[in-house]
PDB file of all heavy atoms in Angstrom:
ATOM      1  N   LEU A   1      65.520  75.400  96.404  1.00  0.00           N
ATOM      2  CA  LEU A   1      66.561  76.420  96.017  1.00  0.00           C
ATOM      3  C   LEU A   1      67.659  76.253  97.073  1.00  0.00           C
ATOM      4  O   LEU A   1      67.538  76.266  98.279  1.00  0.00           O
ATOM      5  CB  LEU A   1      65.944  77.813  96.110  1.00  0.00           C
ATOM      6  CG  LEU A   1      64.742  78.023  95.254  1.00  0.00           C
ATOM      7  CD1 LEU A   1      64.280  79.488  95.368  1.00  0.00           C
ATOM      8  CD2 LEU A   1      65.167  77.756  93.759  1.00  0.00           C
ATOM      9  N   VAL A   2      68.963  76.044  96.556  1.00  0.00           N
ATOM     10  CA  VAL A   2      70.088  75.701  97.310  1.00  0.00           C
ATOM     11  C   VAL A   2      71.050  76.874  97.212  1.00  0.00           C
ATOM     12  O   VAL A   2      71.544  77.187  96.108  1.00  0.00           O
ATOM     13  CB  VAL A   2      70.682  74.471  96.898  1.00  0.00           C
ATOM     14  CG1 VAL A   2      71.955  74.035  97.780  1.00  0.00           C
ATOM     15  CG2 VAL A   2      69.724  73.266  96.791  1.00  0.00           C
ATOM     16  N   PRO A   3      71.417  77.603  98.279  1.00  0.00           N
ATOM     17  CA  PRO A   3      72.338  78.746  98.214  1.00  0.00           C
ATOM     18  C   PRO A   3      73.685  78.239  97.870  1.00  0.00           C
ATOM     19  O   PRO A   3      74.221  77.256  98.306  1.00  0.00           O
ATOM     20  CB  PRO A   3      72.306  79.308  99.650  1.00  0.00           C
ATOM     21  CG  PRO A   3      71.867  78.191 100.490  1.00  0.00           C
ATOM     22  CD  PRO A   3      70.871  77.386  99.685  1.00  0.00           C
ATOM     23  N   ARG A   4      74.304  78.950  96.821  1.00  0.00           N
ATOM     24  CA  ARG A   4      75.719  78.635  96.518  1.00  0.00           C
ATOM     25  C   ARG A   4      76.619  79.069  97.635  1.00  0.00           C
ATOM     26  O   ARG A   4      76.242  79.985  98.432  1.00  0.00           O
ATOM     27  CB  ARG A   4      76.053  79.446  95.212  1.00  0.00           C
ATOM     28  CG  ARG A   4      75.296  79.098  94.006  1.00  0.00           C
ATOM     29  CD  ARG A   4      75.786  79.920  92.813  1.00  0.00           C
ATOM     30  NE  ARG A   4      74.918  79.760  91.683  1.00  0.00           N
ATOM     31  CZ  ARG A   4      74.926  78.787  90.779  1.00  0.00           C
ATOM     32  NH1 ARG A   4      75.867  77.835  90.903  1.00  0.00           N
ATOM     33  NH2 ARG A   4      74.174  78.762  89.758  1.00  0.00           N
ATOM     34  N   GLN A   5      77.771  78.425  97.688  1.00  0.00           N
ATOM     35  CA  GLN A   5      78.738  78.827  98.729  1.00  0.00           C
ATOM     36  C   GLN A   5      79.141  80.287  98.604  1.00  0.00           C
ATOM     37  O   GLN A   5      79.417  80.752  97.435  1.00  0.00           O
ATOM     38  CB  GLN A   5      79.974  77.968  98.624  1.00  0.00           C
ATOM     39  CG  GLN A   5      81.004  78.182  99.765  1.00  0.00           C
ATOM     40  CD  GLN A   5      82.118  77.106  99.754  1.00  0.00           C
ATOM     41  OE1 GLN A   5      81.963  76.089  99.166  1.00  0.00           O
ATOM     42  NE2 GLN A   5      83.222  77.461 100.394  1.00  0.00           N
ATOM     43  N   GLY A   6      79.079  81.027  99.634  1.00  0.00           N
ATOM     44  CA  GLY A   6      79.412  82.438  99.562  1.00  0.00           C
ATOM     45  C   GLY A   6      78.232  83.403  99.221  1.00  0.00           C
ATOM     46  O   GLY A   6      78.419  84.562  99.137  1.00  0.00           O
ATOM     47  N   CYS A   7      77.073  82.802  99.024  1.00  0.00           N
ATOM     48  CA  CYS A   7      75.870  83.611  98.724  1.00  0.00           C
ATOM     49  C   CYS A   7      75.634  84.539  99.929  1.00  0.00           C
ATOM     50  O   CYS A   7      75.500  84.085 101.054  1.00  0.00           O
ATOM     51  CB  CYS A   7      74.606  82.746  98.465  1.00  0.00           C
ATOM     52  SG  CYS A   7      73.149  83.665  98.060  1.00  0.00           S
ATOM     53  N   PRO A   8      75.503  85.898  99.668  1.00  0.00           N
ATOM     54  CA  PRO A   8      75.328  86.828 100.832  1.00  0.00           C
ATOM     55  C   PRO A   8      74.037  86.478 101.615  1.00  0.00           C
ATOM     56  O   PRO A   8      73.061  86.066 101.142  1.00  0.00           O
ATOM     57  CB  PRO A   8      75.209  88.146 100.133  1.00  0.00           C
ATOM     58  CG  PRO A   8      75.899  87.952  98.812  1.00  0.00           C
ATOM     59  CD  PRO A   8      75.580  86.547  98.377  1.00  0.00           C
ATOM     60  N   GLU A   9      74.156  86.783 103.019  1.00  0.00           N
ATOM     61  CA  GLU A   9      73.067  86.472 103.849  1.00  0.00           C
ATOM     62  C   GLU A   9      71.859  87.199 103.496  1.00  0.00           C
ATOM     63  O   GLU A   9      70.704  86.784 103.589  1.00  0.00           O
ATOM     64  CB  GLU A   9      73.491  86.822 105.287  1.00  0.00           C
ATOM     65  CG  GLU A   9      72.535  86.346 106.398  1.00  0.00           C
ATOM     66  CD  GLU A   9      72.325  84.811 106.476  1.00  0.00           C
ATOM     67  OE1 GLU A   9      73.209  84.197 106.007  1.00  0.00           O
ATOM     68  OE2 GLU A   9      71.315  84.453 106.980  1.00  0.00           O
ATOM     69  N   GLU A  10      72.030  88.515 103.006  1.00  0.00           N
ATOM     70  CA  GLU A  10      70.883  89.321 102.683  1.00  0.00           C
ATOM     71  C   GLU A  10      70.159  88.716 101.406  1.00  0.00           C
ATOM     72  O   GLU A  10      68.892  88.762 101.370  1.00  0.00           O
ATOM     73  CB  GLU A  10      71.343  90.727 102.298  1.00  0.00           C
ATOM     74  CG  GLU A  10      70.251  91.622 101.806  1.00  0.00           C
ATOM     75  CD  GLU A  10      69.171  91.881 102.871  1.00  0.00           C
ATOM     76  OE1 GLU A  10      69.401  91.671 104.028  1.00  0.00           O
ATOM     77  OE2 GLU A  10      67.987  92.136 102.447  1.00  0.00           O
ATOM     78  N   VAL A  11      70.869  88.134 100.544  1.00  0.00           N
ATOM     79  CA  VAL A  11      70.253  87.452  99.379  1.00  0.00           C
ATOM     80  C   VAL A  11      69.365  86.246  99.848  1.00  0.00           C
ATOM     81  O   VAL A  11      68.298  86.021  99.328  1.00  0.00           O
ATOM     82  CB  VAL A  11      71.309  87.082  98.348  1.00  0.00           C
ATOM     83  CG1 VAL A  11      70.687  86.221  97.172  1.00  0.00           C
ATOM     84  CG2 VAL A  11      71.934  88.327  97.735  1.00  0.00           C
ATOM     85  N   ARG A  12      70.017  85.437 100.726  1.00  0.00           N
ATOM     86  CA  ARG A  12      69.318  84.319 101.251  1.00  0.00           C
ATOM     87  C   ARG A  12      67.996  84.689 101.900  1.00  0.00           C
ATOM     88  O   ARG A  12      66.987  84.011 101.789  1.00  0.00           O
ATOM     89  CB  ARG A  12      70.200  83.552 102.196  1.00  0.00           C
ATOM     90  CG  ARG A  12      71.487  83.075 101.640  1.00  0.00           C
ATOM     91  CD  ARG A  12      72.318  82.213 102.617  1.00  0.00           C
ATOM     92  NE  ARG A  12      73.659  81.953 102.100  1.00  0.00           N
ATOM     93  CZ  ARG A  12      74.316  80.934 102.498  1.00  0.00           C
ATOM     94  NH1 ARG A  12      73.895  80.082 103.297  1.00  0.00           N
ATOM     95  NH2 ARG A  12      75.554  80.706 101.949  1.00  0.00           N
ATOM     96  N   LEU A  13      68.120  85.808 102.691  1.00  0.00           N
ATOM     97  CA  LEU A  13      66.852  86.278 103.344  1.00  0.00           C
ATOM     98  C   LEU A  13      65.812  86.630 102.274  1.00  0.00           C
ATOM     99  O   LEU A  13      64.611  86.342 102.467  1.00  0.00           O
ATOM    100  CB  LEU A  13      67.180  87.394 104.223  1.00  0.00           C
ATOM    101  CG  LEU A  13      66.049  88.087 104.973  1.00  0.00           C
ATOM    102  CD1 LEU A  13      65.283  87.090 105.822  1.00  0.00           C
ATOM    103  CD2 LEU A  13      66.485  89.292 105.787  1.00  0.00           C
ATOM    104  N   GLN A  14      66.173  87.371 101.254  1.00  0.00           N
ATOM    105  CA  GLN A  14      65.211  87.779 100.264  1.00  0.00           C
ATOM    106  C   GLN A  14      64.649  86.685  99.448  1.00  0.00           C
ATOM    107  O   GLN A  14      63.505  86.647  99.087  1.00  0.00           O
ATOM    108  CB  GLN A  14      65.878  88.806  99.305  1.00  0.00           C
ATOM    109  CG  GLN A  14      66.257  90.177  99.935  1.00  0.00           C
ATOM    110  CD  GLN A  14      66.871  91.100  98.879  1.00  0.00           C
ATOM    111  OE1 GLN A  14      66.248  91.509  97.986  1.00  0.00           O
ATOM    112  NE2 GLN A  14      68.150  91.389  99.123  1.00  0.00           N
ATOM    113  N   VAL A  15      65.478  85.614  99.202  1.00  0.00           N
ATOM    114  CA  VAL A  15      65.014  84.390  98.593  1.00  0.00           C
ATOM    115  C   VAL A  15      63.968  83.746  99.395  1.00  0.00           C
ATOM    116  O   VAL A  15      62.939  83.248  98.962  1.00  0.00           O
ATOM    117  CB  VAL A  15      66.176  83.481  98.237  1.00  0.00           C
ATOM    118  CG1 VAL A  15      65.599  82.143  97.773  1.00  0.00           C
ATOM    119  CG2 VAL A  15      66.929  84.062  97.053  1.00  0.00           C
ATOM    120  N   GLN A  16      64.226  83.607 100.710  1.00  0.00           N
ATOM    121  CA  GLN A  16      63.274  82.969 101.708  1.00  0.00           C
ATOM    122  C   GLN A  16      62.000  83.758 101.672  1.00  0.00           C
ATOM    123  O   GLN A  16      60.874  83.120 101.700  1.00  0.00           O
ATOM    124  CB  GLN A  16      63.871  82.896 103.006  1.00  0.00           C
ATOM    125  CG  GLN A  16      62.925  82.409 104.128  1.00  0.00           C
ATOM    126  CD  GLN A  16      62.469  80.927 103.817  1.00  0.00           C
ATOM    127  OE1 GLN A  16      63.238  80.210 103.219  1.00  0.00           O
ATOM    128  NE2 GLN A  16      61.317  80.563 104.204  1.00  0.00           N
ATOM    129  N   GLN A  17      62.007  85.047 101.632  1.00  0.00           N
ATOM    130  CA  GLN A  17      60.819  85.895 101.652  1.00  0.00           C
ATOM    131  C   GLN A  17      60.098  85.613 100.347  1.00  0.00           C
ATOM    132  O   GLN A  17      58.746  85.509 100.402  1.00  0.00           O
ATOM    133  CB  GLN A  17      61.167  87.357 101.846  1.00  0.00           C
ATOM    134  CG  GLN A  17      61.677  87.701 103.227  1.00  0.00           C
ATOM    135  CD  GLN A  17      62.280  89.086 103.320  1.00  0.00           C
ATOM    136  OE1 GLN A  17      62.536  89.695 102.276  1.00  0.00           O
ATOM    137  NE2 GLN A  17      62.386  89.631 104.490  1.00  0.00           N
ATOM    138  N   ALA A  18      60.709  85.534  99.243  1.00  0.00           N
ATOM    139  CA  ALA A  18      60.028  85.296  97.931  1.00  0.00           C
ATOM    140  C   ALA A  18      59.442  83.896  97.923  1.00  0.00           C
ATOM    141  O   ALA A  18      58.313  83.613  97.441  1.00  0.00           O
ATOM    142  CB  ALA A  18      61.079  85.412  96.852  1.00  0.00           C
ATOM    143  N   VAL A  19      60.146  82.904  98.526  1.00  0.00           N
ATOM    144  CA  VAL A  19      59.624  81.610  98.560  1.00  0.00           C
ATOM    145  C   VAL A  19      58.358  81.492  99.463  1.00  0.00           C
ATOM    146  O   VAL A  19      57.375  80.849  99.046  1.00  0.00           O
ATOM    147  CB  VAL A  19      60.701  80.595  99.165  1.00  0.00           C
ATOM    148  CG1 VAL A  19      60.119  79.288  99.572  1.00  0.00           C
ATOM    149  CG2 VAL A  19      61.746  80.296  98.102  1.00  0.00           C
ATOM    150  N   GLU A  20      58.359  82.077 100.606  1.00  0.00           N
ATOM    151  CA  GLU A  20      57.286  82.050 101.510  1.00  0.00           C
ATOM    152  C   GLU A  20      56.038  82.786 100.872  1.00  0.00           C
ATOM    153  O   GLU A  20      54.922  82.259 100.951  1.00  0.00           O
ATOM    154  CB  GLU A  20      57.584  82.810 102.773  1.00  0.00           C
ATOM    155  CG  GLU A  20      58.522  82.017 103.713  1.00  0.00           C
ATOM    156  CD  GLU A  20      58.759  82.727 105.000  1.00  0.00           C
ATOM    157  OE1 GLU A  20      58.144  83.754 105.277  1.00  0.00           O
ATOM    158  OE2 GLU A  20      59.552  82.223 105.791  1.00  0.00           O
ATOM    159  N   GLN A  21      56.252  83.890 100.139  1.00  0.00           N
ATOM    160  CA  GLN A  21      55.195  84.551  99.542  1.00  0.00           C
ATOM    161  C   GLN A  21      54.540  83.698  98.452  1.00  0.00           C
ATOM    162  O   GLN A  21      53.278  83.578  98.354  1.00  0.00           O
ATOM    163  CB  GLN A  21      55.686  85.888  98.957  1.00  0.00           C
ATOM    164  CG  GLN A  21      54.493  86.772  98.432  1.00  0.00           C
ATOM    165  CD  GLN A  21      55.010  88.087  97.989  1.00  0.00           C
ATOM    166  OE1 GLN A  21      56.171  88.444  98.070  1.00  0.00           O
ATOM    167  NE2 GLN A  21      54.063  89.000  97.562  1.00  0.00           N
ATOM    168  N   ALA A  22      55.364  83.113  97.614  1.00  0.00           N
ATOM    169  CA  ALA A  22      54.884  82.235  96.529  1.00  0.00           C
ATOM    170  C   ALA A  22      54.073  81.056  97.070  1.00  0.00           C
ATOM    171  O   ALA A  22      53.047  80.684  96.535  1.00  0.00           O
ATOM    172  CB  ALA A  22      56.043  81.798  95.670  1.00  0.00           C
ATOM    173  N   ARG A  23      54.684  80.434  98.175  1.00  0.00           N
ATOM    174  CA  ARG A  23      54.025  79.372  98.755  1.00  0.00           C
ATOM    175  C   ARG A  23      52.659  79.632  99.407  1.00  0.00           C
ATOM    176  O   ARG A  23      51.630  78.974  99.193  1.00  0.00           O
ATOM    177  CB  ARG A  23      54.975  78.707  99.767  1.00  0.00           C
ATOM    178  CG  ARG A  23      54.652  77.279 100.167  1.00  0.00           C
ATOM    179  CD  ARG A  23      55.794  76.670 100.855  1.00  0.00           C
ATOM    180  NE  ARG A  23      56.247  77.442 102.041  1.00  0.00           N
ATOM    181  CZ  ARG A  23      57.558  77.505 102.396  1.00  0.00           C
ATOM    182  NH1 ARG A  23      58.494  76.943 101.685  1.00  0.00           N
ATOM    183  NH2 ARG A  23      57.943  78.196 103.447  1.00  0.00           N
ATOM    184  N   ASN A  24      52.668  80.767 100.135  1.00  0.00           N
ATOM    185  CA  ASN A  24      51.401  81.216 100.821  1.00  0.00           C
ATOM    186  C   ASN A  24      50.333  81.633  99.816  1.00  0.00           C
ATOM    187  O   ASN A  24      49.145  81.326 100.061  1.00  0.00           O
ATOM    188  CB  ASN A  24      51.711  82.274 101.815  1.00  0.00           C
ATOM    189  CG  ASN A  24      52.544  81.808 102.987  1.00  0.00           C
ATOM    190  OD1 ASN A  24      52.610  80.662 103.309  1.00  0.00           O
ATOM    191  ND2 ASN A  24      53.332  82.802 103.553  1.00  0.00           N
ATOM    192  N   GLU A  25      50.755  82.236  98.753  1.00  0.00           N
ATOM    193  CA  GLU A  25      49.788  82.695  97.712  1.00  0.00           C
ATOM    194  C   GLU A  25      49.478  81.597  96.679  1.00  0.00           C
ATOM    195  O   GLU A  25      48.631  81.833  95.783  1.00  0.00           O
ATOM    196  CB  GLU A  25      50.315  83.942  97.082  1.00  0.00           C
ATOM    197  CG  GLU A  25      50.391  85.136  98.023  1.00  0.00           C
ATOM    198  CD  GLU A  25      50.979  86.381  97.365  1.00  0.00           C
ATOM    199  OE1 GLU A  25      51.280  86.341  96.155  1.00  0.00           O
ATOM    200  OE2 GLU A  25      51.157  87.383  98.037  1.00  0.00           O
ATOM    201  N   GLN A  26      50.121  80.455  96.790  1.00  0.00           N
ATOM    202  CA  GLN A  26      49.841  79.335  95.961  1.00  0.00           C
ATOM    203  C   GLN A  26      49.841  79.726  94.464  1.00  0.00           C
ATOM    204  O   GLN A  26      48.916  79.485  93.712  1.00  0.00           O
ATOM    205  CB  GLN A  26      48.467  78.709  96.372  1.00  0.00           C
ATOM    206  CG  GLN A  26      48.376  78.316  97.812  1.00  0.00           C
ATOM    207  CD  GLN A  26      46.935  77.918  98.170  1.00  0.00           C
ATOM    208  OE1 GLN A  26      46.451  76.927  97.660  1.00  0.00           O
ATOM    209  NE2 GLN A  26      46.361  78.576  99.177  1.00  0.00           N
ATOM    210  N   ARG A  27      50.938  80.304  94.116  1.00  0.00           N
ATOM    211  CA  ARG A  27      51.082  80.860  92.731  1.00  0.00           C
ATOM    212  C   ARG A  27      51.357  79.777  91.745  1.00  0.00           C
ATOM    213  O   ARG A  27      51.035  79.888  90.514  1.00  0.00           O
ATOM    214  CB  ARG A  27      52.194  81.878  92.656  1.00  0.00           C
ATOM    215  CG  ARG A  27      51.879  83.122  93.538  1.00  0.00           C
ATOM    216  CD  ARG A  27      53.069  84.095  93.447  1.00  0.00           C
ATOM    217  NE  ARG A  27      52.864  85.323  94.170  1.00  0.00           N
ATOM    218  CZ  ARG A  27      53.808  86.250  94.293  1.00  0.00           C
ATOM    219  NH1 ARG A  27      54.927  86.071  93.722  1.00  0.00           N
ATOM    220  NH2 ARG A  27      53.592  87.304  95.088  1.00  0.00           N
ATOM    221  N   TYR A  28      52.121  78.698  92.125  1.00  0.00           N
ATOM    222  CA  TYR A  28      52.641  77.793  91.129  1.00  0.00           C
ATOM    223  C   TYR A  28      52.287  76.372  91.420  1.00  0.00           C
ATOM    224  O   TYR A  28      52.007  75.959  92.540  1.00  0.00           O
ATOM    225  CB  TYR A  28      54.157  77.919  91.071  1.00  0.00           C
ATOM    226  CG  TYR A  28      54.602  79.342  90.975  1.00  0.00           C
ATOM    227  CD1 TYR A  28      55.184  80.010  92.074  1.00  0.00           C
ATOM    228  CD2 TYR A  28      54.491  80.058  89.814  1.00  0.00           C
ATOM    229  CE1 TYR A  28      55.556  81.322  92.031  1.00  0.00           C
ATOM    230  CE2 TYR A  28      54.791  81.445  89.699  1.00  0.00           C
ATOM    231  CZ  TYR A  28      55.372  82.052  90.825  1.00  0.00           C
ATOM    232  OH  TYR A  28      55.831  83.373  90.749  1.00  0.00           O
ATOM    233  N   GLN A  29      52.395  75.478  90.400  1.00  0.00           N
ATOM    234  CA  GLN A  29      52.028  74.118  90.578  1.00  0.00           C
ATOM    235  C   GLN A  29      53.312  73.267  90.897  1.00  0.00           C
ATOM    236  O   GLN A  29      53.624  72.268  90.264  1.00  0.00           O
ATOM    237  CB  GLN A  29      51.371  73.548  89.278  1.00  0.00           C
ATOM    238  CG  GLN A  29      50.707  72.183  89.494  1.00  0.00           C
ATOM    239  CD  GLN A  29      49.782  71.833  88.314  1.00  0.00           C
ATOM    240  OE1 GLN A  29      48.960  72.641  87.872  1.00  0.00           O
ATOM    241  NE2 GLN A  29      49.951  70.578  87.845  1.00  0.00           N
ATOM    242  N   THR A  30      53.997  73.866  91.813  1.00  0.00           N
ATOM    243  CA  THR A  30      55.176  73.253  92.422  1.00  0.00           C
ATOM    244  C   THR A  30      55.312  73.976  93.789  1.00  0.00           C
ATOM    245  O   THR A  30      54.990  75.161  93.873  1.00  0.00           O
ATOM    246  CB  THR A  30      56.461  73.320  91.612  1.00  0.00           C
ATOM    247  OG1 THR A  30      57.509  72.659  92.215  1.00  0.00           O
ATOM    248  CG2 THR A  30      56.807  74.825  91.399  1.00  0.00           C
ATOM    249  N   ILE A  31      55.855  73.305  94.767  1.00  0.00           N
ATOM    250  CA  ILE A  31      56.033  73.899  96.141  1.00  0.00           C
ATOM    251  C   ILE A  31      57.396  74.452  96.255  1.00  0.00           C
ATOM    252  O   ILE A  31      58.339  73.675  96.399  1.00  0.00           O
ATOM    253  CB  ILE A  31      55.647  72.902  97.248  1.00  0.00           C
ATOM    254  CG1 ILE A  31      54.186  72.373  96.977  1.00  0.00           C
ATOM    255  CG2 ILE A  31      55.739  73.554  98.610  1.00  0.00           C
ATOM    256  CD1 ILE A  31      53.768  71.175  97.833  1.00  0.00           C
ATOM    257  N   PRO A  32      57.547  75.786  96.423  1.00  0.00           N
ATOM    258  CA  PRO A  32      58.926  76.300  96.607  1.00  0.00           C
ATOM    259  C   PRO A  32      59.499  75.933  98.048  1.00  0.00           C
ATOM    260  O   PRO A  32      58.747  75.912  98.996  1.00  0.00           O
ATOM    261  CB  PRO A  32      58.720  77.816  96.439  1.00  0.00           C
ATOM    262  CG  PRO A  32      57.398  78.015  95.768  1.00  0.00           C
ATOM    263  CD  PRO A  32      56.589  76.806  96.264  1.00  0.00           C
ATOM    264  N   TRP A  33      60.788  75.731  98.074  1.00  0.00           N
ATOM    265  CA  TRP A  33      61.466  75.405  99.347  1.00  0.00           C
ATOM    266  C   TRP A  33      62.860  75.896  99.329  1.00  0.00           C
ATOM    267  O   TRP A  33      63.680  75.551  98.443  1.00  0.00           O
ATOM    268  CB  TRP A  33      61.480  73.898  99.510  1.00  0.00           C
ATOM    269  CG  TRP A  33      61.838  73.337 100.886  1.00  0.00           C
ATOM    270  CD1 TRP A  33      63.157  72.990 101.279  1.00  0.00           C
ATOM    271  CD2 TRP A  33      61.035  73.148 101.958  1.00  0.00           C
ATOM    272  NE1 TRP A  33      63.083  72.573 102.565  1.00  0.00           N
ATOM    273  CE2 TRP A  33      61.799  72.661 103.040  1.00  0.00           C
ATOM    274  CE3 TRP A  33      59.633  73.333 102.208  1.00  0.00           C
ATOM    275  CZ2 TRP A  33      61.257  72.339 104.244  1.00  0.00           C
ATOM    276  CZ3 TRP A  33      59.048  73.031 103.441  1.00  0.00           C
ATOM    277  CH2 TRP A  33      59.842  72.560 104.396  1.00  0.00           C
ATOM    278  N   GLU A  34      63.276  76.829 100.214  1.00  0.00           N
ATOM    279  CA  GLU A  34      64.529  77.310 100.427  1.00  0.00           C
ATOM    280  C   GLU A  34      65.256  76.352 101.336  1.00  0.00           C
ATOM    281  O   GLU A  34      64.929  76.266 102.517  1.00  0.00           O
ATOM    282  CB  GLU A  34      64.535  78.763 100.969  1.00  0.00           C
ATOM    283  CG  GLU A  34      65.803  79.581 100.630  1.00  0.00           C
ATOM    284  CD  GLU A  34      67.044  79.140 101.454  1.00  0.00           C
ATOM    285  OE1 GLU A  34      66.801  78.601 102.578  1.00  0.00           O
ATOM    286  OE2 GLU A  34      68.144  79.327 100.881  1.00  0.00           O
ATOM    287  N   LEU A  35      66.242  75.587 100.774  1.00  0.00           N
ATOM    288  CA  LEU A  35      66.720  74.438 101.484  1.00  0.00           C
ATOM    289  C   LEU A  35      67.280  74.715 102.896  1.00  0.00           C
ATOM    290  O   LEU A  35      66.897  74.043 103.839  1.00  0.00           O
ATOM    291  CB  LEU A  35      67.755  73.743 100.665  1.00  0.00           C
ATOM    292  CG  LEU A  35      68.190  72.332 101.145  1.00  0.00           C
ATOM    293  CD1 LEU A  35      67.038  71.368 100.850  1.00  0.00           C
ATOM    294  CD2 LEU A  35      69.399  71.898 100.439  1.00  0.00           C
ATOM    295  N   GLU A  36      67.993  75.805 102.980  1.00  0.00           N
ATOM    296  CA  GLU A  36      68.660  76.060 104.254  1.00  0.00           C
ATOM    297  C   GLU A  36      67.697  76.539 105.343  1.00  0.00           C
ATOM    298  O   GLU A  36      67.485  75.995 106.397  1.00  0.00           O
ATOM    299  CB  GLU A  36      69.821  77.106 104.117  1.00  0.00           C
ATOM    300  CG  GLU A  36      70.451  77.508 105.459  1.00  0.00           C
ATOM    301  CD  GLU A  36      71.429  78.703 105.215  1.00  0.00           C
ATOM    302  OE1 GLU A  36      71.845  78.973 104.105  1.00  0.00           O
ATOM    303  OE2 GLU A  36      71.803  79.290 106.249  1.00  0.00           O
ATOM    304  N   ARG A  37      66.953  77.628 104.993  1.00  0.00           N
ATOM    305  CA  ARG A  37      66.141  78.275 105.978  1.00  0.00           C
ATOM    306  C   ARG A  37      64.805  77.505 106.261  1.00  0.00           C
ATOM    307  O   ARG A  37      64.342  77.498 107.376  1.00  0.00           O
ATOM    308  CB  ARG A  37      65.736  79.733 105.490  1.00  0.00           C
ATOM    309  CG  ARG A  37      66.981  80.610 105.620  1.00  0.00           C
ATOM    310  CD  ARG A  37      66.690  82.051 105.013  1.00  0.00           C
ATOM    311  NE  ARG A  37      67.885  82.794 105.103  1.00  0.00           N
ATOM    312  CZ  ARG A  37      68.097  83.662 106.100  1.00  0.00           C
ATOM    313  NH1 ARG A  37      67.322  83.704 107.148  1.00  0.00           N
ATOM    314  NH2 ARG A  37      69.241  84.353 106.155  1.00  0.00           N
ATOM    315  N   ASP A  38      64.210  76.855 105.214  1.00  0.00           N
ATOM    316  CA  ASP A  38      63.063  76.092 105.463  1.00  0.00           C
ATOM    317  C   ASP A  38      63.388  74.813 106.281  1.00  0.00           C
ATOM    318  O   ASP A  38      62.585  74.381 107.151  1.00  0.00           O
ATOM    319  CB  ASP A  38      62.298  75.743 104.163  1.00  0.00           C
ATOM    320  CG  ASP A  38      61.442  76.855 103.659  1.00  0.00           C
ATOM    321  OD1 ASP A  38      60.877  77.502 104.475  1.00  0.00           O
ATOM    322  OD2 ASP A  38      61.381  76.957 102.500  1.00  0.00           O
ATOM    323  N   ASN A  39      64.557  74.221 106.037  1.00  0.00           N
ATOM    324  CA  ASN A  39      64.905  73.058 106.896  1.00  0.00           C
ATOM    325  C   ASN A  39      65.054  73.501 108.346  1.00  0.00           C
ATOM    326  O   ASN A  39      64.666  72.805 109.290  1.00  0.00           O
ATOM    327  CB  ASN A  39      66.179  72.430 106.354  1.00  0.00           C
ATOM    328  CG  ASN A  39      66.049  71.550 105.174  1.00  0.00           C
ATOM    329  OD1 ASN A  39      64.867  71.340 104.808  1.00  0.00           O
ATOM    330  ND2 ASN A  39      67.119  71.050 104.619  1.00  0.00           N
ATOM    331  N   ARG A  40      65.632  74.614 108.594  1.00  0.00           N
ATOM    332  CA  ARG A  40      65.848  75.198 109.903  1.00  0.00           C
ATOM    333  C   ARG A  40      64.472  75.523 110.524  1.00  0.00           C
ATOM    334  O   ARG A  40      64.323  75.331 111.759  1.00  0.00           O
ATOM    335  CB  ARG A  40      66.705  76.433 109.878  1.00  0.00           C
ATOM    336  CG  ARG A  40      68.185  76.221 109.550  1.00  0.00           C
ATOM    337  CD  ARG A  40      68.999  77.445 109.423  1.00  0.00           C
ATOM    338  NE  ARG A  40      68.874  78.258 110.602  1.00  0.00           N
ATOM    339  CZ  ARG A  40      69.643  78.149 111.652  1.00  0.00           C
ATOM    340  NH1 ARG A  40      70.564  77.177 111.722  1.00  0.00           N
ATOM    341  NH2 ARG A  40      69.541  78.949 112.704  1.00  0.00           N
ATOM    342  N   ARG A  41      63.625  76.072 109.715  1.00  0.00           N
ATOM    343  CA  ARG A  41      62.239  76.405 110.336  1.00  0.00           C
ATOM    344  C   ARG A  41      61.543  75.143 110.763  1.00  0.00           C
ATOM    345  O   ARG A  41      60.971  75.120 111.829  1.00  0.00           O
ATOM    346  CB  ARG A  41      61.465  77.145 109.252  1.00  0.00           C
ATOM    347  CG  ARG A  41      59.997  77.387 109.728  1.00  0.00           C
ATOM    348  CD  ARG A  41      59.368  78.523 108.891  1.00  0.00           C
ATOM    349  NE  ARG A  41      60.141  79.790 108.990  1.00  0.00           N
ATOM    350  CZ  ARG A  41      59.717  80.845 108.316  1.00  0.00           C
ATOM    351  NH1 ARG A  41      58.686  80.843 107.644  1.00  0.00           N
ATOM    352  NH2 ARG A  41      60.459  81.949 108.408  1.00  0.00           N
ATOM    353  N   VAL A  42      61.568  74.058 109.982  1.00  0.00           N
ATOM    354  CA  VAL A  42      60.940  72.762 110.448  1.00  0.00           C
ATOM    355  C   VAL A  42      61.601  72.381 111.761  1.00  0.00           C
ATOM    356  O   VAL A  42      60.863  71.980 112.672  1.00  0.00           O
ATOM    357  CB  VAL A  42      61.149  71.652 109.403  1.00  0.00           C
ATOM    358  CG1 VAL A  42      60.687  70.341 109.869  1.00  0.00           C
ATOM    359  CG2 VAL A  42      60.377  72.034 108.165  1.00  0.00           C
ATOM    360  N   ASP A  43      62.874  72.429 111.928  1.00  0.00           N
ATOM    361  CA  ASP A  43      63.561  71.973 113.059  1.00  0.00           C
ATOM    362  C   ASP A  43      63.178  72.846 114.267  1.00  0.00           C
ATOM    363  O   ASP A  43      63.024  72.329 115.400  1.00  0.00           O
ATOM    364  CB  ASP A  43      65.051  71.945 112.906  1.00  0.00           C
ATOM    365  CG  ASP A  43      65.727  71.182 113.975  1.00  0.00           C
ATOM    366  OD1 ASP A  43      65.799  69.921 113.790  1.00  0.00           O
ATOM    367  OD2 ASP A  43      66.242  71.710 114.942  1.00  0.00           O
TER     368      ASP A  43
END
């Protein structure tokens, strides 16, 4: 998931929370990844 330019910070945070929850609960047969925040987390 790639944030559009100008996407509010609060929206990015809520998307990251949704991504983490979906990933941790293993809901889908694809692995969710919020591009900005997950890349930062790895680093």
